[in-house]
């Protein structure tokens, strides 16, 4: 739920303003986790799917301000499974897709844990807005987290990973995503699909808490 403030004011300036809180339901949405990176227990009762871009400023804001709290209270404690899916826009290219591919190359060598290590480095380093981190830093991050550099370099030109970014973006649009970050939050099911509510933007921790807690 989120609140919309409606101001009711009579024509006479001497009449005090009245504030009415109207509760509106969060929009419903459904999306697949596909085969994308997972942080946390795979059988956690609640799943958050984030559609995100490494090059959008509000995705960086979410990474810096809200994700650490979600990790501490829900992900590390086994209550939430967090799934990261790419969602790129033309204004962020080519950097956004190149960074997404580099992170996927890290995952190919070290799995989801290594993916999120690379993911974290990108968000810390990027200035966002399509500026990118510079391709030389792809190599530096890979070296710092202990990847095989020859395998990593060869992987960067893997077009199947570029196509995977496009698939993620299309899946997001089909689920009602039109900007980043956008989150679909729902109860974990046996299959890949998650049905729940759609939350737009780099919302504060309490916005997530209000949705997650009733699902636990």
Protein backbone atom coordinates (compact mmCIF):
# COMPACT_ATOMS: atom_id res chain seq x y z
CA UNK A 1 0.00 0.00 0.00
CA UNK A 2 1.04 3.59 -0.49
CA UNK A 3 -0.54 6.85 0.51
CA UNK A 4 -1.71 9.68 -1.69
CA UNK A 5 -2.31 13.02 -0.07
CA UNK A 6 -5.47 14.83 -1.16
CA UNK A 7 -5.81 18.44 -0.03
CA UNK A 8 -9.37 19.65 0.50
CA UNK A 9 -9.58 23.42 0.85
CA UNK A 10 -12.71 25.56 0.89
CA UNK A 11 -12.78 28.77 -1.12
CA UNK A 12 -12.43 31.01 1.92
CA UNK A 13 -8.77 31.42 2.88
CA UNK A 14 -9.68 31.45 6.57
CA UNK A 15 -10.91 27.83 6.49
CA UNK A 16 -8.15 25.41 7.58
CA UNK A 17 -6.77 22.82 5.16
CA UNK A 18 -7.84 19.21 5.70
CA UNK A 19 -5.55 16.31 4.81
CA UNK A 20 -7.15 13.00 3.85
CA UNK A 21 -5.12 9.78 3.57
CA UNK A 22 -6.34 7.50 0.77
CA UNK A 23 -4.86 4.00 0.72
CA UNK A 24 -4.39 2.59 -2.76
CA UNK A 25 -3.46 -1.04 -3.45
CA UNK A 26 -0.12 -1.86 -5.05
CA UNK A 27 -0.53 -3.05 -8.66
CA UNK A 28 -0.40 -6.81 -9.19
CA UNK A 29 2.32 -8.33 -11.34
CA UNK A 30 3.87 -11.65 -12.28
CA UNK A 31 7.32 -12.49 -13.62
CA UNK A 32 9.69 -15.41 -13.90
CA UNK A 33 12.96 -15.68 -12.03
CA UNK A 34 14.23 -17.31 -15.25
CA UNK A 35 17.73 -18.64 -14.64
CA UNK A 36 19.01 -15.39 -13.17
CA UNK A 37 21.27 -14.79 -10.15
CA UNK A 38 19.84 -15.47 -6.70
CA UNK A 39 20.96 -14.01 -3.40
CA UNK A 40 19.76 -15.79 -0.28
CA UNK A 41 18.06 -19.13 0.36
CA UNK A 42 16.43 -20.58 -2.74
CA UNK A 43 13.48 -21.78 -0.63
CA UNK A 44 12.95 -18.53 1.29
CA UNK A 45 9.22 -17.85 1.76
CA UNK A 46 9.23 -14.52 -0.13
CA UNK A 47 10.88 -13.63 -3.43
CA UNK A 48 11.92 -10.19 -4.65
CA UNK A 49 12.69 -9.89 -8.36
CA UNK A 50 14.56 -6.70 -9.14
CA UNK A 51 14.61 -5.41 -12.72
CA UNK A 52 17.60 -3.10 -12.76
CA UNK A 53 20.30 -1.39 -14.77
CA UNK A 54 23.87 -0.87 -13.65
CA UNK A 55 23.74 2.55 -15.32
CA UNK A 56 20.59 4.08 -13.87
CA UNK A 57 21.15 6.48 -10.95
CA UNK A 58 18.16 5.29 -8.93
CA UNK A 59 19.36 1.68 -9.18
CA UNK A 60 22.61 2.84 -7.60
CA UNK A 61 20.59 4.69 -4.95
CA UNK A 62 18.70 1.48 -4.11
CA UNK A 63 21.98 -0.44 -3.95
CA UNK A 64 23.51 2.08 -1.57
CA UNK A 65 20.56 2.89 0.67
CA UNK A 66 17.98 0.10 0.74
CA UNK A 67 19.60 -3.18 -0.31
CA UNK A 68 21.95 -3.32 2.72
CA UNK A 69 18.93 -3.19 5.06
CA UNK A 70 17.07 -5.82 3.05
CA UNK A 71 20.12 -8.08 3.25
CA UNK A 72 20.44 -7.67 6.99
CA UNK A 73 16.80 -8.17 7.92
CA UNK A 74 15.46 -10.50 5.25
CA UNK A 75 18.01 -12.04 2.89
CA UNK A 76 20.74 -13.18 5.29
CA UNK A 77 18.08 -14.41 7.73
CA UNK A 78 16.55 -16.69 5.10
CA UNK A 79 13.23 -14.86 4.78
CA UNK A 80 13.70 -13.46 1.27
CA UNK A 81 15.12 -14.80 -1.98
CA UNK A 82 16.46 -11.88 -4.03
CA UNK A 83 16.68 -12.28 -7.82
CA UNK A 84 18.47 -9.79 -10.07
CA UNK A 85 17.33 -9.35 -13.68
CA UNK A 86 18.67 -6.86 -16.20
CA UNK A 87 16.52 -4.10 -17.69
CA UNK A 88 18.38 -1.71 -19.96
CA UNK A 89 17.27 1.42 -21.80
CA UNK A 90 18.78 2.97 -24.96
CA UNK A 91 20.00 6.04 -23.07
CA UNK A 92 22.25 3.83 -20.92
CA UNK A 93 23.86 1.93 -23.76
CA UNK A 94 26.29 0.49 -24.59
CA UNK A 95 27.66 0.59 -21.04
CA UNK A 96 24.65 -1.01 -19.33
CA UNK A 97 24.68 -4.15 -21.46
CA UNK A 98 28.47 -4.44 -21.38
CA UNK A 99 28.44 -4.31 -17.59
CA UNK A 100 25.61 -6.84 -17.43
CA UNK A 101 27.60 -9.20 -19.66
CA UNK A 102 30.74 -8.76 -17.56
CA UNK A 103 28.82 -9.65 -14.39
CA UNK A 104 27.36 -12.70 -16.13
CA UNK A 105 30.86 -13.77 -17.16
CA UNK A 106 31.86 -13.63 -13.50
CA UNK A 107 28.88 -15.83 -12.70
CA UNK A 108 29.93 -18.37 -15.32
CA UNK A 109 33.12 -18.95 -13.37
CA UNK A 110 31.99 -18.63 -9.78
CA UNK A 111 28.21 -18.90 -9.63
CA UNK A 112 25.77 -16.52 -8.00
CA UNK A 113 28.05 -15.50 -5.12
CA UNK A 114 30.70 -14.34 -7.58
CA UNK A 115 28.06 -12.62 -9.71
CA UNK A 116 26.96 -10.47 -6.80
CA UNK A 117 30.56 -9.70 -5.87
CA UNK A 118 31.04 -8.31 -9.39
CA UNK A 119 27.61 -6.62 -9.25
CA UNK A 120 28.62 -4.81 -6.06
CA UNK A 121 31.88 -3.54 -7.57
CA UNK A 122 30.06 -2.12 -10.61
CA UNK A 123 27.52 -0.23 -8.53
CA UNK A 124 30.23 1.18 -6.27
CA UNK A 125 32.31 2.38 -9.22
CA UNK A 126 29.76 3.61 -11.75
CA UNK A 127 28.78 7.25 -12.00
CA UNK A 128 25.57 6.10 -13.74
CA UNK A 129 23.79 7.78 -16.61
CA UNK A 130 25.43 5.60 -19.25
CA UNK A 131 28.94 6.80 -18.46
CA UNK A 132 30.06 3.31 -17.49
CA UNK A 133 33.05 2.29 -15.42
CA UNK A 134 35.51 1.96 -18.31
CA UNK A 135 36.25 -1.39 -19.91
CA UNK A 136 39.69 -1.60 -18.31
CA UNK A 137 37.92 -1.86 -14.96
CA UNK A 138 36.09 -4.99 -16.11
CA UNK A 139 39.48 -6.69 -16.08
CA UNK A 140 40.51 -5.14 -12.77
CA UNK A 141 37.37 -6.33 -10.99
CA UNK A 142 37.73 -9.80 -12.49
CA UNK A 143 41.32 -9.99 -11.28
CA UNK A 144 40.43 -8.67 -7.82
CA UNK A 145 37.81 -11.37 -7.27
CA UNK A 146 40.11 -14.12 -8.53
CA UNK A 147 38.68 -15.01 -11.94
CA UNK A 148 40.57 -16.81 -14.68
CA UNK A 149 41.43 -13.84 -16.87
CA UNK A 150 41.66 -15.69 -20.18
CA UNK A 151 38.24 -17.26 -19.70
CA UNK A 152 36.80 -13.94 -18.59
CA UNK A 153 38.19 -12.04 -21.58
CA UNK A 154 36.84 -14.60 -24.02
CA UNK A 155 33.44 -14.52 -22.33
CA UNK A 156 33.00 -10.76 -22.82
CA UNK A 157 32.26 -11.31 -26.51
CA UNK A 158 29.66 -14.03 -25.87
CA UNK A 159 26.58 -12.88 -27.78
CA UNK A 160 24.31 -15.31 -25.95
CA UNK A 161 24.82 -13.17 -22.84
CA UNK A 162 23.82 -10.06 -24.79
CA UNK A 163 20.66 -11.87 -25.87
CA UNK A 164 19.98 -12.82 -22.25
CA UNK A 165 19.99 -9.12 -21.31
CA UNK A 166 17.41 -8.51 -24.06
CA UNK A 167 15.28 -11.41 -22.80
CA UNK A 168 15.33 -10.00 -19.27
CA UNK A 169 14.29 -6.58 -20.54
CA UNK A 170 11.45 -8.03 -22.62
CA UNK A 171 10.24 -10.12 -19.67
CA UNK A 172 10.24 -6.99 -17.55
CA UNK A 173 8.17 -5.04 -20.07
CA UNK A 174 5.69 -7.92 -20.29
CA UNK A 175 5.37 -7.79 -16.49
CA UNK A 176 4.60 -4.07 -16.50
CA UNK A 177 8.09 -2.72 -15.90
CA UNK A 178 8.76 0.60 -17.61
CA UNK A 179 11.68 1.98 -15.60
CA UNK A 180 14.32 0.96 -13.11
CA UNK A 181 14.54 -0.16 -10.49
CA UNK A 182 11.25 -2.03 -10.41
CA UNK A 183 10.49 -4.89 -8.05
CA UNK A 184 8.01 -7.74 -8.08
CA UNK A 185 7.48 -9.07 -4.57
CA UNK A 186 5.52 -12.24 -3.90
CA UNK A 187 5.42 -15.55 -2.13
CA UNK A 188 7.92 -18.11 -3.38
CA UNK A 189 6.32 -20.87 -5.45
CA UNK A 190 7.47 -24.28 -6.68
CA UNK A 191 7.88 -23.01 -10.23
CA UNK A 192 9.82 -20.11 -11.69
CA UNK A 193 6.96 -17.62 -11.76
CA UNK A 194 6.38 -15.20 -8.91
CA UNK A 195 2.98 -13.54 -8.53
CA UNK A 196 2.78 -10.55 -6.26
CA UNK A 197 2.85 -6.80 -6.19
CA UNK A 198 4.85 -4.37 -8.28
CA UNK A 199 6.89 -1.70 -6.54
CA UNK A 200 8.42 1.09 -8.62
CA UNK A 201 11.51 3.12 -7.85
CA UNK A 202 14.30 3.30 -5.29
CA UNK A 203 11.91 3.03 -2.38
CA UNK A 204 13.06 3.21 1.25
CA UNK A 205 13.35 0.07 3.35
CA UNK A 206 9.99 0.61 5.06
CA UNK A 207 8.15 0.42 1.72
CA UNK A 208 9.55 -3.09 1.23
CA UNK A 209 8.91 -4.04 4.84
CA UNK A 210 5.23 -3.10 4.53
CA UNK A 211 4.86 -5.56 1.64
CA UNK A 212 7.12 -8.37 2.85
CA UNK A 213 6.01 -8.77 6.46
CA UNK A 214 2.37 -9.74 5.71
CA UNK A 215 3.68 -12.45 3.35
CA UNK A 216 5.84 -14.14 5.98
